[in-house]
Amino acid sequence: MKVLFYSTYGLWTPHMETELELADRHLADGDDVHWITCDGVLGACDANPMHRRQLCRTCQLRVAGGHALLGGRVHARNLSDFIDDALLARLDAIPADFASKADLEDFRVDGFDAGWAALSSAIWSQRDPQIELDGPLVRSFLRSSVMGYLTSRRILAEGDYDLVYVFNGRMGPLRGMLRAAQEAGVEALVHERGRDTQHYSLVDNCMPHDIAPMVARVRRTWDTSDLDLDERRRVAREWYEGRTRGQMGSWFSYVDGQDEATLPDGWDADAHNVVLYTTTEFEYASIGAEWRTGLYASPTLAAEEIARTLSERGRAHLTVRLHPNPAGRDSSSVERLLALDHPRVTVVPPDSAVSTYGLMRAANVVVTSGSTAGIEASFWGRPSVLAGKSLYAGLDAVHEPATHDELFGMLEDPELGAKDTLPAEQYGFYYATLGEPFRRFEPDGIFSGTYRGERLHKRKLGLLRRRVTRALDKLAPRQPELERIQRAEHRRAKQQR
């Protein structure tokens, strides 16, 4: 078998090490392993959005160190090998301005959803869905996304590969390879984190964020398990119980510092209490058209409009629990929601000690537009309403209104019942069993670990980095355009401070 690793994000542990793990397994099976890496030609990537030279060098050295741990048995090529004047001309033809976010989202190159790809990376890098469409960050990610797609088509056309591995698939340059493989009919396996730091996961020919394939995987995992029904339910319950204790598996806990017995000041148990949970919007703000909803244009707008409407109607008290993720606390969406000022509306700040799960137990109805809290509420027997999109949309785990009238009818209905818990159990079981165990990578943290006993970023690489920096500068000098973009980004950041 001829296997390709499209590995342009070598800075990140455990994702670089996941690719080494997979390559090691293919090499052990006698497969022909090829590796494409970025040699600094991408103007922006999620790991290095400002295209800082030192990070580029570190990335290249990490990849080279990984190849050394594989015994030099992979066939490595640089992304720049597939770039010529014709491809550069196509990049130069990318529009410089877009009238609206929707226009950018709809921008495609030969079928590739380039606008979605660029926005997804730019928003994630900025940690804020409110982004300057004609700013240098979006332009740079748009160019990198199209470059990733066009080079990927050439790579696949020349290589005759049987299988391609790519990380995540959502991010700009990486989405280009996923789309190119889908077009060419080459199987693409997308890797991500698994159920905990000891596991990685693989999905076939899609992004992990694609809703319909996700729902199908959840059901298939449940239906094909060798465990009996009681054991599957036990595993699911342990997953949900673990989340209430802050056990998040492969990610950070967001309930540290919360007091399970603490409810907002003035909580009235006799009122009809609706609790709205927000999400870190930048993570899902620009995935694709499947995430569009007919109700609201964004989770922030959903929260604002639900607060205003419930307050005006006066039939319920709304408590908005802002997501405690520290990465999103300074975003414009959090600022907007903290500013909500309506009668019968209480806003709980991200760093409040008010308990996420205490609120859930006390609520008459829970409403979300993406947060996992929606399906958790269903598992714990609370009526849960989805006012947007989520990875569990279509699983029949929550109420999914199609119109605003239907939405507010559910939120204000004192007799609204909870959904059957089986779909929520299926969802929990999926995440509780997600992934394959690492064999050679030994994680010792969320972002750290050793591969075959070695750290790809250990200190002695610093000396090597300094020795090769000048040589690499000569081989892959920074493009003048990138220098200009970085200077503009520095000016913008300075003005914001």
Protein backbone atom coordinates (compact mmCIF):
# COMPACT_ATOMS: atom_id res chain seq x y z
CA MET A 1 0.00 0.00 0.00
CA LYS A 2 1.20 3.50 -0.85
CA VAL A 3 0.38 5.84 2.04
CA LEU A 4 0.66 9.64 2.20
CA PHE A 5 0.92 11.84 5.28
CA TYR A 6 -0.02 15.44 4.57
CA SER A 7 1.74 16.89 7.58
CA THR A 8 1.89 20.68 7.60
CA TYR A 9 1.23 21.24 11.33
CA GLY A 10 4.36 19.73 12.84
CA LEU A 11 4.41 22.13 15.79
CA TRP A 12 1.56 20.50 17.68
CA THR A 13 1.77 17.63 20.13
CA PRO A 14 0.11 15.12 20.11
CA HIS A 15 -0.90 15.49 16.46
CA MET A 16 2.59 15.27 14.99
CA GLU A 17 3.27 12.26 17.20
CA THR A 18 -0.02 10.69 16.10
CA GLU A 19 1.22 10.81 12.51
CA LEU A 20 4.51 9.22 13.56
CA GLU A 21 2.56 6.49 15.35
CA LEU A 22 0.47 5.78 12.26
CA ALA A 23 3.50 5.88 9.96
CA ASP A 24 5.33 3.46 12.23
CA ARG A 25 2.47 1.01 11.97
CA HIS A 26 2.38 1.22 8.17
CA LEU A 27 6.13 0.78 7.94
CA ALA A 28 5.88 -2.29 10.14
CA ASP A 29 3.32 -3.69 7.69
CA GLY A 30 5.71 -3.10 4.79
CA ASP A 31 3.76 -0.20 3.29
CA ASP A 32 5.36 2.54 1.20
CA VAL A 33 5.13 5.70 3.33
CA HIS A 34 5.38 9.20 1.84
CA TRP A 35 5.37 12.50 3.72
CA ILE A 36 4.53 16.03 2.59
CA THR A 37 5.62 18.79 4.93
CA CYS A 38 5.50 22.56 4.82
CA ASP A 39 8.86 24.23 4.28
CA GLY A 40 7.59 27.69 5.15
CA VAL A 41 5.59 28.45 2.01
CA LEU A 42 2.19 28.59 3.73
CA GLY A 43 1.64 32.21 4.63
CA ALA A 44 -0.46 31.28 7.63
CA CYS A 45 -1.41 28.13 9.48
CA ASP A 46 -3.35 27.66 12.70
CA ALA A 47 -0.16 26.72 14.53
CA ASN A 48 1.64 29.83 13.27
CA PRO A 49 -0.92 32.38 11.99
CA MET A 50 1.60 35.22 12.00
CA HIS A 51 4.13 33.14 10.05
CA ARG A 52 6.88 33.75 12.58
CA ARG A 53 10.16 32.49 11.22
CA GLN A 54 11.30 30.89 14.45
CA LEU A 55 8.14 28.81 14.67
CA CYS A 56 8.57 27.74 11.05
CA ARG A 57 12.08 26.56 11.84
CA THR A 58 10.95 24.72 14.94
CA CYS A 59 8.18 23.03 12.97
CA GLN A 60 10.60 21.83 10.29
CA LEU A 61 13.05 20.57 12.88
CA ARG A 62 10.32 18.68 14.74
CA VAL A 63 9.32 16.95 11.51
CA ALA A 64 12.95 16.12 10.71
CA GLY A 65 13.41 14.77 14.22
CA GLY A 66 10.33 12.62 13.85
CA HIS A 67 11.56 11.21 10.57
CA ALA A 68 14.83 10.34 12.27
CA LEU A 69 12.90 8.37 14.90
CA LEU A 70 11.27 6.47 12.05
CA GLY A 71 14.72 5.47 10.86
CA GLY A 72 14.62 7.67 7.77
CA ARG A 73 12.30 5.18 6.09
CA VAL A 74 9.77 7.70 4.79
CA HIS A 75 9.92 9.45 1.43
CA ALA A 76 9.72 13.14 2.34
CA ARG A 77 8.98 16.06 0.04
CA ASN A 78 8.31 19.73 0.63
CA LEU A 79 5.12 21.55 -0.22
CA SER A 80 7.08 24.01 -2.34
CA ASP A 81 7.99 21.18 -4.73
CA PHE A 82 4.43 21.40 -6.08
CA ILE A 83 4.27 25.17 -6.57
CA ASP A 84 5.02 26.78 -9.92
CA ASP A 85 4.22 30.05 -11.68
CA ALA A 86 0.84 28.81 -12.89
CA LEU A 87 -0.24 27.96 -9.36
CA LEU A 88 1.06 31.28 -8.04
CA ALA A 89 -0.95 33.05 -10.73
CA ARG A 90 -4.11 31.37 -9.47
CA LEU A 91 -3.30 32.49 -5.93
CA ASP A 92 -2.81 36.05 -7.14
CA ALA A 93 -6.25 35.91 -8.74
CA ILE A 94 -8.00 35.40 -5.39
CA PRO A 95 -10.35 38.34 -4.73
CA ALA A 96 -9.01 40.88 -2.26
CA ASP A 97 -12.36 42.01 -0.85
CA PHE A 98 -15.71 40.45 0.05
CA ALA A 99 -18.85 42.42 0.68
CA SER A 100 -20.06 40.21 3.52
CA LYS A 101 -19.21 37.17 5.58
CA ALA A 102 -21.75 35.19 3.55
CA ASP A 103 -19.97 36.16 0.33
CA LEU A 104 -16.67 34.94 1.74
CA GLU A 105 -18.26 31.71 2.98
CA ASP A 106 -19.63 31.08 -0.51
CA PHE A 107 -16.26 31.68 -2.22
CA ARG A 108 -15.05 28.48 -3.90
CA VAL A 109 -12.11 27.47 -6.05
CA ASP A 110 -12.92 24.60 -8.41
CA GLY A 111 -15.44 23.26 -5.90
CA PHE A 112 -13.20 23.75 -2.86
CA ASP A 113 -14.97 25.61 -0.02
CA ALA A 114 -12.05 28.01 0.33
CA GLY A 115 -14.01 30.75 2.08
CA TRP A 116 -15.24 28.46 4.83
CA ALA A 117 -11.73 27.06 5.25
CA ALA A 118 -10.09 30.47 5.57
CA LEU A 119 -12.72 31.85 7.94
CA SER A 120 -12.58 28.77 10.14
CA SER A 121 -8.83 29.13 10.67
CA ALA A 122 -8.85 32.91 10.98
CA ILE A 123 -11.67 32.93 13.54
CA TRP A 124 -10.10 30.11 15.54
CA SER A 125 -6.71 31.84 15.54
CA GLN A 126 -8.26 35.13 16.70
CA ARG A 127 -10.54 33.34 19.20
CA ASP A 128 -13.36 35.64 18.14
CA PRO A 129 -16.09 35.15 15.51
CA GLN A 130 -16.20 38.90 14.83
CA ILE A 131 -13.38 39.24 12.34
CA GLU A 132 -12.19 41.86 9.88
CA LEU A 133 -13.07 40.36 6.50
CA ASP A 134 -10.62 42.47 4.53
CA GLY A 135 -7.89 42.21 7.16
CA PRO A 136 -4.50 40.58 6.55
CA LEU A 137 -5.29 37.53 8.72
CA VAL A 138 -8.25 36.47 6.57
CA ARG A 139 -6.38 37.22 3.34
CA SER A 140 -3.38 35.21 4.42
CA PHE A 141 -5.48 32.22 5.48
CA LEU A 142 -7.46 32.39 2.25
CA ARG A 143 -4.25 32.24 0.23
CA SER A 144 -2.88 29.38 2.36
CA SER A 145 -6.14 27.44 2.09
CA VAL A 146 -6.21 27.70 -1.69
CA MET A 147 -2.52 26.85 -1.84
CA GLY A 148 -3.17 23.76 0.27
CA TYR A 149 -5.96 22.66 -2.06
CA LEU A 150 -4.17 23.27 -5.35
CA THR A 151 -0.94 21.63 -4.22
CA SER A 152 -2.92 18.70 -2.80
CA ARG A 153 -4.54 18.06 -6.16
CA ARG A 154 -1.11 17.94 -7.77
CA ILE A 155 0.31 15.74 -5.03
CA LEU A 156 -2.49 13.19 -5.43
CA ALA A 157 -2.36 13.29 -9.22
CA GLU A 158 1.37 12.57 -9.26
CA GLY A 159 1.52 10.06 -6.42
CA ASP A 160 -1.19 7.44 -7.09
CA TYR A 161 -1.74 6.98 -3.34
CA ASP A 162 -4.02 4.41 -1.78
CA LEU A 163 -4.53 6.23 1.50
CA VAL A 164 -4.03 9.76 2.84
CA TYR A 165 -3.76 10.89 6.45
CA VAL A 166 -4.53 14.48 7.45
CA PHE A 167 -5.07 16.14 10.81
CA ASN A 168 -8.43 17.68 11.77
CA GLY A 169 -9.67 18.58 8.28
CA ARG A 170 -11.46 21.76 9.40
CA MET A 171 -8.46 24.09 9.22
CA GLY A 172 -7.64 25.94 6.02
CA PRO A 173 -4.65 24.21 4.40
CA LEU A 174 -5.66 20.83 5.85
CA ARG A 175 -9.20 21.10 4.51
CA GLY A 176 -7.67 21.54 1.06
CA MET A 177 -6.11 18.07 1.19
CA LEU A 178 -9.31 16.51 2.53
CA ARG A 179 -11.35 18.04 -0.29
CA ALA A 180 -8.76 17.08 -2.92
CA ALA A 181 -8.79 13.48 -1.70
CA GLN A 182 -12.59 13.39 -1.73
CA GLU A 183 -12.59 14.67 -5.32
CA ALA A 184 -9.93 12.18 -6.42
CA GLY A 185 -11.62 9.22 -4.76
CA VAL A 186 -8.61 8.58 -2.50
CA GLU A 187 -9.45 7.35 0.98
CA ALA A 188 -8.66 10.02 3.56
CA LEU A 189 -8.39 9.27 7.26
CA VAL A 190 -8.65 12.34 9.47
CA HIS A 191 -7.00 12.06 12.86
CA GLU A 192 -7.81 13.91 16.06
CA ARG A 193 -7.70 13.41 19.82
CA GLY A 194 -9.39 10.35 21.27
CA ARG A 195 -11.29 9.79 24.49
CA ASP A 196 -8.27 10.71 26.61
CA THR A 197 -4.61 11.61 26.18
CA GLN A 198 -3.75 7.94 25.71
CA HIS A 199 -5.85 7.59 22.55
CA TYR A 200 -6.20 9.13 19.09
CA SER A 201 -9.21 8.91 16.80
CA LEU A 202 -9.74 8.45 13.06
CA VAL A 203 -12.73 9.34 10.89
CA ASP A 204 -13.09 8.32 7.28
CA ASN A 205 -13.42 10.84 4.43
CA CYS A 206 -14.94 13.68 6.45
CA MET A 207 -14.24 16.21 9.17
CA PRO A 208 -14.91 15.18 12.77
CA HIS A 209 -17.18 18.26 12.81
CA ASP A 210 -19.50 17.04 10.03
CA ILE A 211 -22.84 16.48 11.74
CA ALA A 212 -24.49 13.73 9.67
CA PRO A 213 -21.44 11.41 9.66
CA MET A 214 -21.02 12.08 13.38
CA VAL A 215 -24.58 10.98 14.15
CA ALA A 216 -24.06 7.87 12.01
CA ARG A 217 -20.85 7.01 13.89
CA VAL A 218 -22.57 7.43 17.25
CA ARG A 219 -25.33 5.02 16.31
CA ARG A 220 -22.96 2.56 14.62
CA THR A 221 -20.63 2.47 17.63
CA TRP A 222 -23.54 1.65 19.90
CA ASP A 223 -25.11 -0.93 17.59
CA THR A 224 -21.87 -2.81 16.80
CA SER A 225 -20.45 -2.92 20.33
CA ASP A 226 -19.73 -6.33 21.82
CA LEU A 227 -20.88 -5.09 25.23
CA ASP A 228 -24.38 -5.90 26.43
CA LEU A 229 -26.95 -3.15 26.92
CA ASP A 230 -26.41 -2.74 30.66
CA GLU A 231 -22.66 -2.42 30.22
CA ARG A 232 -22.99 0.14 27.43
CA ARG A 233 -25.31 2.19 29.63
CA ARG A 234 -22.86 1.94 32.53
CA VAL A 235 -20.01 3.21 30.34
CA ALA A 236 -22.14 6.12 29.12
CA ARG A 237 -23.20 7.05 32.64
CA GLU A 238 -19.60 7.07 33.82
CA TRP A 239 -18.72 9.47 30.99
CA TYR A 240 -21.49 11.89 31.96
CA GLU A 241 -20.72 11.59 35.68
CA GLY A 242 -17.06 12.24 34.94
CA ARG A 243 -17.90 15.51 33.20
CA THR A 244 -19.76 16.75 36.28
CA ARG A 245 -16.51 16.13 38.22
CA GLY A 246 -14.39 17.91 35.62
CA GLN A 247 -13.00 14.75 34.03
CA MET A 248 -12.75 15.84 30.41
CA GLY A 249 -10.53 13.08 29.05
CA SER A 250 -8.27 14.70 26.48
CA TRP A 251 -9.02 18.33 27.34
CA PHE A 252 -9.20 20.83 30.19
CA SER A 253 -11.86 20.87 32.87
CA TYR A 254 -14.18 23.88 32.75
CA VAL A 255 -15.87 23.35 36.12
CA ASP A 256 -12.85 23.96 38.33
CA GLY A 257 -13.68 26.68 40.84
CA GLN A 258 -17.43 26.11 40.61
CA ASP A 259 -19.48 25.27 43.68
CA GLU A 260 -22.06 22.56 43.03
CA ALA A 261 -24.44 24.10 45.53
CA THR A 262 -24.17 27.66 44.19
CA LEU A 263 -27.02 29.15 42.17
CA PRO A 264 -27.30 32.78 41.00
CA ASP A 265 -28.30 35.40 43.56
CA GLY A 266 -32.06 35.79 43.67
CA TRP A 267 -32.77 32.38 42.11
CA ASP A 268 -36.53 31.77 42.37
CA ALA A 269 -37.33 28.07 42.44
CA ASP A 270 -41.03 28.84 41.98
CA ALA A 271 -40.48 30.59 38.63
CA HIS A 272 -40.39 28.84 35.26
CA ASN A 273 -36.62 28.81 34.90
CA VAL A 274 -34.99 28.52 31.49
CA VAL A 275 -31.21 28.10 31.51
CA LEU A 276 -29.24 28.92 28.37
CA TYR A 277 -25.70 27.57 28.00
CA THR A 278 -23.40 29.31 25.56
CA THR A 279 -20.50 27.69 23.76
CA THR A 280 -17.02 28.80 22.70
CA GLU A 281 -18.37 30.14 19.44
CA PHE A 282 -15.00 30.53 17.70
CA GLU A 283 -14.58 26.75 17.58
CA TYR A 284 -17.67 26.19 15.44
CA ALA A 285 -18.25 29.59 13.86
CA SER A 286 -17.26 28.67 10.31
CA ILE A 287 -17.26 24.95 9.61
CA GLY A 288 -19.66 24.72 6.69
CA ALA A 289 -23.17 25.19 5.39
CA GLU A 290 -24.39 22.17 7.38
CA TRP A 291 -23.97 24.27 10.52
CA ARG A 292 -26.27 27.01 9.29
CA THR A 293 -29.65 27.16 10.97
CA GLY A 294 -32.93 28.70 9.98
CA LEU A 295 -33.43 30.17 13.46
CA TYR A 296 -30.40 32.37 14.16
CA ALA A 297 -27.26 33.39 12.32
CA SER A 298 -24.98 32.67 15.30
CA PRO A 299 -25.09 31.35 18.88
CA THR A 300 -24.47 34.88 20.18
CA LEU A 301 -27.41 36.27 18.24
CA ALA A 302 -29.51 33.33 19.44
CA ALA A 303 -28.74 34.15 23.09
CA GLU A 304 -29.46 37.85 22.58
CA GLU A 305 -32.77 37.25 20.81
CA ILE A 306 -33.92 34.54 23.22
CA ALA A 307 -33.15 36.85 26.15
CA ARG A 308 -35.00 39.78 24.60
CA THR A 309 -38.04 37.76 23.57
CA LEU A 310 -38.44 35.82 26.82
CA SER A 311 -38.10 39.06 28.77
CA GLU A 312 -40.77 40.79 26.68
CA ARG A 313 -43.18 37.88 26.94
CA GLY A 314 -42.69 37.64 30.72
CA ARG A 315 -43.59 33.97 31.12
CA ALA A 316 -40.18 32.66 32.19
CA HIS A 317 -36.95 33.72 33.86
CA LEU A 318 -33.85 33.19 31.74
CA THR A 319 -30.42 32.50 33.18
CA VAL A 320 -27.56 32.72 30.66
CA ARG A 321 -24.57 30.64 31.79
CA LEU A 322 -21.58 31.92 29.78
CA HIS A 323 -19.13 29.20 28.84
CA PRO A 324 -16.18 29.12 31.28
CA ASN A 325 -13.55 28.39 28.63
CA PRO A 326 -10.75 30.91 29.38
CA ALA A 327 -9.76 31.05 25.70
CA GLY A 328 -13.01 32.80 24.79
CA ARG A 329 -13.47 35.13 27.76
CA ASP A 330 -12.16 38.20 25.96
CA SER A 331 -14.15 37.67 22.77
CA SER A 332 -16.67 40.16 21.45
CA SER A 333 -19.47 37.60 21.92
CA VAL A 334 -18.80 37.38 25.67
CA GLU A 335 -18.75 41.18 25.91
CA ARG A 336 -22.10 41.38 24.13
CA LEU A 337 -23.74 38.80 26.36
CA LEU A 338 -22.35 40.29 29.56
CA ALA A 339 -24.04 43.51 28.49
CA LEU A 340 -27.52 41.92 28.33
CA ASP A 341 -29.84 44.04 30.45
CA HIS A 342 -33.43 42.79 30.42
CA PRO A 343 -36.01 42.17 33.14
CA ARG A 344 -36.23 38.48 34.08
CA VAL A 345 -32.77 37.77 32.61
CA THR A 346 -29.70 36.85 34.67
CA VAL A 347 -26.24 36.54 33.12
CA VAL A 348 -23.65 34.34 34.83
CA PRO A 349 -20.08 35.41 33.92
CA PRO A 350 -17.56 32.81 32.66
CA ASP A 351 -15.51 32.84 35.87
CA SER A 352 -18.49 32.67 38.24
CA ALA A 353 -18.62 29.99 40.96
CA VAL A 354 -22.22 29.25 39.92
CA SER A 355 -22.35 25.56 39.10
CA THR A 356 -22.98 24.50 35.51
CA TYR A 357 -24.54 21.28 36.71
CA GLY A 358 -26.34 22.77 39.69
CA LEU A 359 -28.13 25.06 37.25
CA MET A 360 -28.89 22.12 35.01
CA ARG A 361 -30.57 20.21 37.82
CA ALA A 362 -32.57 23.25 38.90
CA ALA A 363 -33.73 24.29 35.42
CA ASN A 364 -37.21 23.67 34.11
CA VAL A 365 -35.88 23.84 30.54
CA VAL A 366 -32.35 23.96 29.14
CA VAL A 367 -31.62 25.68 25.82
CA THR A 368 -28.38 25.58 23.83
CA SER A 369 -27.12 26.31 20.33
CA GLY A 370 -24.08 24.05 20.19
CA SER A 371 -23.00 23.37 23.75
CA THR A 372 -22.54 19.79 24.93
CA ALA A 373 -24.60 20.86 27.95
CA GLY A 374 -27.69 20.34 25.79
CA ILE A 375 -27.25 16.59 25.46
CA GLU A 376 -25.93 16.32 29.01
CA ALA A 377 -29.19 17.86 30.21
CA SER A 378 -31.13 15.22 28.27
CA PHE A 379 -29.10 12.45 29.88
CA TRP A 380 -29.91 13.84 33.33
CA GLY A 381 -33.60 13.92 32.51
CA ARG A 382 -34.05 17.64 31.87
CA PRO A 383 -36.07 19.01 28.93
CA SER A 384 -33.46 20.27 26.47
CA VAL A 385 -34.06 22.47 23.43
CA LEU A 386 -31.57 23.06 20.59
CA ALA A 387 -31.80 26.56 19.07
CA GLY A 388 -29.02 26.05 16.55
CA LYS A 389 -26.73 23.28 15.38
CA SER A 390 -24.55 20.83 17.26
CA LEU A 391 -22.75 17.54 16.77
CA TYR A 392 -25.83 15.78 18.18
CA ALA A 393 -28.35 17.51 15.91
CA GLY A 394 -30.55 14.87 14.32
CA LEU A 395 -29.78 12.24 16.97
CA ASP A 396 -33.23 12.79 18.57
CA ALA A 397 -31.54 13.47 21.91
CA VAL A 398 -33.01 16.98 22.31
CA HIS A 399 -36.01 18.95 21.11
CA GLU A 400 -35.20 20.62 17.78
CA PRO A 401 -37.72 23.36 16.90
CA ALA A 402 -37.96 24.41 13.27
CA THR A 403 -39.50 27.85 13.83
CA HIS A 404 -39.33 30.68 16.36
CA ASP A 405 -42.92 30.04 17.46
CA GLU A 406 -42.08 26.41 18.08
CA LEU A 407 -38.91 27.38 19.95
CA PHE A 408 -40.61 29.75 22.38
CA GLY A 409 -43.55 27.42 22.78
CA MET A 410 -41.10 24.79 24.04
CA LEU A 411 -39.14 27.17 26.26
CA GLU A 412 -42.27 28.47 27.99
CA ASP A 413 -44.08 25.12 28.27
CA PRO A 414 -44.17 23.98 31.92
CA GLU A 415 -45.21 20.53 30.73
CA LEU A 416 -42.39 20.04 28.23
CA GLY A 417 -40.96 16.62 28.85
CA ALA A 418 -37.42 15.35 28.52
CA LYS A 419 -36.43 13.22 25.55
CA ASP A 420 -35.75 9.51 25.92
CA THR A 421 -32.24 9.11 27.34
CA LEU A 422 -31.14 6.39 24.87
CA PRO A 423 -29.73 8.78 22.21
CA ALA A 424 -27.83 10.66 24.92
CA GLU A 425 -26.48 7.35 26.19
CA GLN A 426 -25.35 6.49 22.67
CA TYR A 427 -23.56 9.82 22.43
CA GLY A 428 -21.82 9.36 25.76
CA PHE A 429 -20.83 5.80 24.92
CA TYR A 430 -19.28 6.99 21.65
CA TYR A 431 -17.05 9.53 23.37
CA ALA A 432 -16.26 7.20 26.26
CA THR A 433 -14.88 4.60 23.84
CA LEU A 434 -13.47 6.90 21.15
CA GLY A 435 -10.10 6.13 19.64
CA GLU A 436 -7.18 3.75 19.36
CA PRO A 437 -4.46 3.48 22.02
CA PHE A 438 -1.00 4.90 21.39
CA ARG A 439 1.75 2.30 21.38
CA ARG A 440 4.89 4.34 20.97
CA PHE A 441 3.79 7.82 22.00
CA GLU A 442 3.69 8.34 25.78
CA PRO A 443 1.78 11.52 26.70
CA ASP A 444 2.56 13.25 29.98
CA GLY A 445 0.16 16.15 29.46
CA ILE A 446 -2.44 17.52 27.07
CA PHE A 447 0.26 19.06 24.86
CA SER A 448 3.35 17.06 25.73
CA GLY A 449 4.89 13.60 25.67
CA THR A 450 7.63 11.45 24.24
CA TYR A 451 7.80 9.35 21.09
CA ARG A 452 10.02 6.30 21.40
CA GLY A 453 11.37 7.94 24.55
CA GLU A 454 12.32 11.20 22.78
CA ARG A 455 10.80 14.68 22.85
CA LEU A 456 10.61 16.28 19.44
CA HIS A 457 11.09 19.73 20.99
CA LYS A 458 13.85 19.01 23.49
CA ARG A 459 16.36 21.73 24.27
CA LYS A 460 19.28 20.48 22.27
CA LEU A 461 17.28 21.21 19.15
CA GLY A 462 17.80 24.90 19.95
CA LEU A 463 21.48 24.66 19.06
CA LEU A 464 20.70 22.87 15.82
CA ARG A 465 18.01 25.45 15.07
CA ARG A 466 20.45 28.31 15.39
CA ARG A 467 22.95 26.56 13.13
CA VAL A 468 20.53 25.93 10.33
CA THR A 469 18.48 29.13 10.48
CA ARG A 470 20.68 31.04 8.05
CA ALA A 471 20.80 28.13 5.62
CA LEU A 472 17.02 27.73 5.73
CA ASP A 473 16.57 31.45 5.16
CA LYS A 474 18.50 31.15 1.93
CA LEU A 475 16.56 28.09 0.79
CA ALA A 476 13.09 29.40 1.71
CA PRO A 477 13.19 33.17 2.23
CA ARG A 478 10.07 34.81 3.49
CA GLN A 479 7.85 36.25 0.78
CA PRO A 480 7.64 40.07 0.78
CA GLU A 481 3.85 39.75 0.99
CA LEU A 482 4.15 37.86 4.25
CA GLU A 483 6.46 40.50 5.70
CA ARG A 484 3.82 43.09 4.87
CA ILE A 485 1.02 41.01 6.40
CA GLN A 486 2.95 40.46 9.61
CA ARG A 487 3.76 44.16 9.97
CA ALA A 488 0.08 44.99 9.47
CA GLU A 489 -0.94 42.44 12.10
CA HIS A 490 1.57 43.87 14.57
CA ARG A 491 0.17 47.38 14.00
CA ARG A 492 -3.40 46.17 14.49
CA ALA A 493 -2.53 44.30 17.69
CA LYS A 494 -0.70 47.34 19.05
CA GLN A 495 -3.68 49.60 18.31
CA GLN A 496 -6.03 47.19 20.12
CA ARG A 497 -3.82 47.17 23.21
